[in-house]
């Protein structure tokens, strides 16, 4: 159970970092237009 909870938290942080990276690159490409 602890392993599942740890994996869940790891997945959430990875998704959040990925979303931040996507929104950041999107705003950068918008600014360069």
PDB file of N, CA and C in Angstrom:
ATOM      1  N   UNK A   1       0.836  -1.196   0.000  1.00  0.00           N
ATOM      2  CA  UNK A   1       0.000   0.000   0.000  1.00  0.00           C
ATOM      3  C   UNK A   1       0.877   1.254   0.000  1.00  0.00           C
ATOM      4  N   UNK A   2       1.945   1.242   0.783  1.00  0.00           N
ATOM      5  CA  UNK A   2       2.835   2.404   0.820  1.00  0.00           C
ATOM      6  C   UNK A   2       3.497   2.619  -0.544  1.00  0.00           C
ATOM      7  N   UNK A   3       3.836   1.504  -1.216  1.00  0.00           N
ATOM      8  CA  UNK A   3       4.474   1.620  -2.528  1.00  0.00           C
ATOM      9  C   UNK A   3       3.528   2.257  -3.530  1.00  0.00           C
ATOM     10  N   UNK A   4       2.261   1.858  -3.501  1.00  0.00           N
ATOM     11  CA  UNK A   4       1.275   2.424  -4.410  1.00  0.00           C
ATOM     12  C   UNK A   4       1.115   3.917  -4.148  1.00  0.00           C
ATOM     13  N   UNK A   5       1.069   4.292  -2.868  1.00  0.00           N
ATOM     14  CA  UNK A   5       0.918   5.701  -2.504  1.00  0.00           C
ATOM     15  C   UNK A   5       2.127   6.501  -2.991  1.00  0.00           C
ATOM     16  N   UNK A   6       3.316   5.925  -2.831  1.00  0.00           N
ATOM     17  CA  UNK A   6       4.540   6.602  -3.270  1.00  0.00           C
ATOM     18  C   UNK A   6       4.544   6.769  -4.790  1.00  0.00           C
ATOM     19  N   UNK A   7       4.182   5.706  -5.505  1.00  0.00           N
ATOM     20  CA  UNK A   7       4.136   5.776  -6.964  1.00  0.00           C
ATOM     21  C   UNK A   7       3.104   6.788  -7.426  1.00  0.00           C
ATOM     22  N   UNK A   8       1.977   6.863  -6.716  1.00  0.00           N
ATOM     23  CA  UNK A   8       0.930   7.816  -7.069  1.00  0.00           C
ATOM     24  C   UNK A   8       1.435   9.246  -6.919  1.00  0.00           C
ATOM     25  N   UNK A   9       2.128   9.502  -5.804  1.00  0.00           N
ATOM     26  CA  UNK A   9       2.673  10.844  -5.574  1.00  0.00           C
ATOM     27  C   UNK A   9       3.737  11.184  -6.616  1.00  0.00           C
ATOM     28  N   UNK A  10       4.574  10.209  -6.959  1.00  0.00           N
ATOM     29  CA  UNK A  10       5.607  10.434  -7.967  1.00  0.00           C
ATOM     30  C   UNK A  10       4.979  10.759  -9.312  1.00  0.00           C
ATOM     31  N   UNK A  11       3.936  10.012  -9.672  1.00  0.00           N
ATOM     32  CA  UNK A  11       3.248  10.254 -10.940  1.00  0.00           C
ATOM     33  C   UNK A  11       2.610  11.629 -10.970  1.00  0.00           C
ATOM     34  N   UNK A  12       2.041  12.046  -9.847  1.00  0.00           N
ATOM     35  CA  UNK A  12       1.396  13.360  -9.782  1.00  0.00           C
ATOM     36  C   UNK A  12       2.423  14.471  -9.966  1.00  0.00           C
ATOM     37  N   UNK A  13       3.557  14.359  -9.324  1.00  0.00           N
ATOM     38  CA  UNK A  13       4.568  15.411  -9.442  1.00  0.00           C
ATOM     39  C   UNK A  13       5.135  15.454 -10.860  1.00  0.00           C
ATOM     40  N   UNK A  14       5.276  14.277 -11.482  1.00  0.00           N
ATOM     41  CA  UNK A  14       5.768  14.235 -12.862  1.00  0.00           C
ATOM     42  C   UNK A  14       4.771  14.902 -13.800  1.00  0.00           C
ATOM     43  N   UNK A  15       3.480  14.609 -13.589  1.00  0.00           N
ATOM     44  CA  UNK A  15       2.445  15.215 -14.431  1.00  0.00           C
ATOM     45  C   UNK A  15       2.416  16.727 -14.256  1.00  0.00           C
ATOM     46  N   UNK A  16       2.557  17.186 -13.012  1.00  0.00           N
ATOM     47  CA  UNK A  16       2.537  18.629 -12.737  1.00  0.00           C
ATOM     48  C   UNK A  16       3.736  19.310 -13.395  1.00  0.00           C
ATOM     49  N   UNK A  17       4.914  18.695 -13.281  1.00  0.00           N
ATOM     50  CA  UNK A  17       6.100  19.274 -13.908  1.00  0.00           C
ATOM     51  C   UNK A  17       5.955  19.298 -15.420  1.00  0.00           C
ATOM     52  N   UNK A  18       5.368  18.230 -15.985  1.00  0.00           N
ATOM     53  CA  UNK A  18       5.160  18.154 -17.431  1.00  0.00           C
ATOM     54  C   UNK A  18       4.190  19.237 -17.888  1.00  0.00           C
ATOM     55  N   UNK A  19       3.121  19.454 -17.114  1.00  0.00           N
ATOM     56  CA  UNK A  19       2.136  20.480 -17.460  1.00  0.00           C
ATOM     57  C   UNK A  19       2.752  21.873 -17.368  1.00  0.00           C
ATOM     58  N   UNK A  20       3.578  22.099 -16.358  1.00  0.00           N
ATOM     59  CA  UNK A  20       4.262  23.388 -16.226  1.00  0.00           C
ATOM     60  C   UNK A  20       5.169  23.625 -17.427  1.00  0.00           C
ATOM     61  N   UNK A  21       5.901  22.590 -17.824  1.00  0.00           N
ATOM     62  CA  UNK A  21       6.803  22.705 -18.970  1.00  0.00           C
ATOM     63  C   UNK A  21       6.016  22.999 -20.240  1.00  0.00           C
ATOM     64  N   UNK A  22       4.866  22.328 -20.411  1.00  0.00           N
ATOM     65  CA  UNK A  22       4.043  22.545 -21.600  1.00  0.00           C
ATOM     66  C   UNK A  22       3.520  23.970 -21.642  1.00  0.00           C
ATOM     67  N   UNK A  23       2.972  24.457 -20.545  1.00  0.00           N
ATOM     68  CA  UNK A  23       2.408  25.810 -20.522  1.00  0.00           C
ATOM     69  C   UNK A  23       3.516  26.851 -20.705  1.00  0.00           C
ATOM     70  N   UNK A  24       4.699  26.567 -20.149  1.00  0.00           N
ATOM     71  CA  UNK A  24       5.815  27.499 -20.287  1.00  0.00           C
ATOM     72  C   UNK A  24       6.257  27.588 -21.739  1.00  0.00           C
ATOM     73  N   UNK A  25       6.450  26.447 -22.395  1.00  0.00           N
ATOM     74  CA  UNK A  25       6.884  26.453 -23.792  1.00  0.00           C
ATOM     75  C   UNK A  25       5.802  27.044 -24.690  1.00  0.00           C
ATOM     76  N   UNK A  26       4.537  26.849 -24.315  1.00  0.00           N
ATOM     77  CA  UNK A  26       3.441  27.398 -25.108  1.00  0.00           C
ATOM     78  C   UNK A  26       3.447  28.923 -25.044  1.00  0.00           C
ATOM     79  N   UNK A  27       3.635  29.474 -23.856  1.00  0.00           N
ATOM     80  CA  UNK A  27       3.655  30.934 -23.711  1.00  0.00           C
ATOM     81  C   UNK A  27       4.895  31.516 -24.391  1.00  0.00           C
ATOM     82  N   UNK A  28       6.008  30.782 -24.379  1.00  0.00           N
ATOM     83  CA  UNK A  28       7.222  31.255 -25.049  1.00  0.00           C
ATOM     84  C   UNK A  28       6.992  31.304 -26.559  1.00  0.00           C
ATOM     85  N   UNK A  29       6.354  30.272 -27.109  1.00  0.00           N
ATOM     86  CA  UNK A  29       6.102  30.256 -28.550  1.00  0.00           C
ATOM     87  C   UNK A  29       5.086  31.329 -28.927  1.00  0.00           C
ATOM     88  N   UNK A  30       4.163  31.641 -28.013  1.00  0.00           N
ATOM     89  CA  UNK A  30       3.200  32.711 -28.277  1.00  0.00           C
ATOM     90  C   UNK A  30       3.906  34.060 -28.302  1.00  0.00           C
ATOM     91  N   UNK A  31       4.878  34.242 -27.428  1.00  0.00           N
ATOM     92  CA  UNK A  31       5.582  35.520 -27.352  1.00  0.00           C
ATOM     93  C   UNK A  31       6.478  35.714 -28.579  1.00  0.00           C
ATOM     94  N   UNK A  32       6.980  34.629 -29.148  1.00  0.00           N
ATOM     95  CA  UNK A  32       7.900  34.751 -30.279  1.00  0.00           C
ATOM     96  C   UNK A  32       7.164  34.974 -31.591  1.00  0.00           C
ATOM     97  N   UNK A  33       5.842  34.883 -31.589  1.00  0.00           N
ATOM     98  CA  UNK A  33       5.077  35.107 -32.824  1.00  0.00           C
ATOM     99  C   UNK A  33       5.080  36.585 -33.203  1.00  0.00           C
TER     100      UNK A  33
END
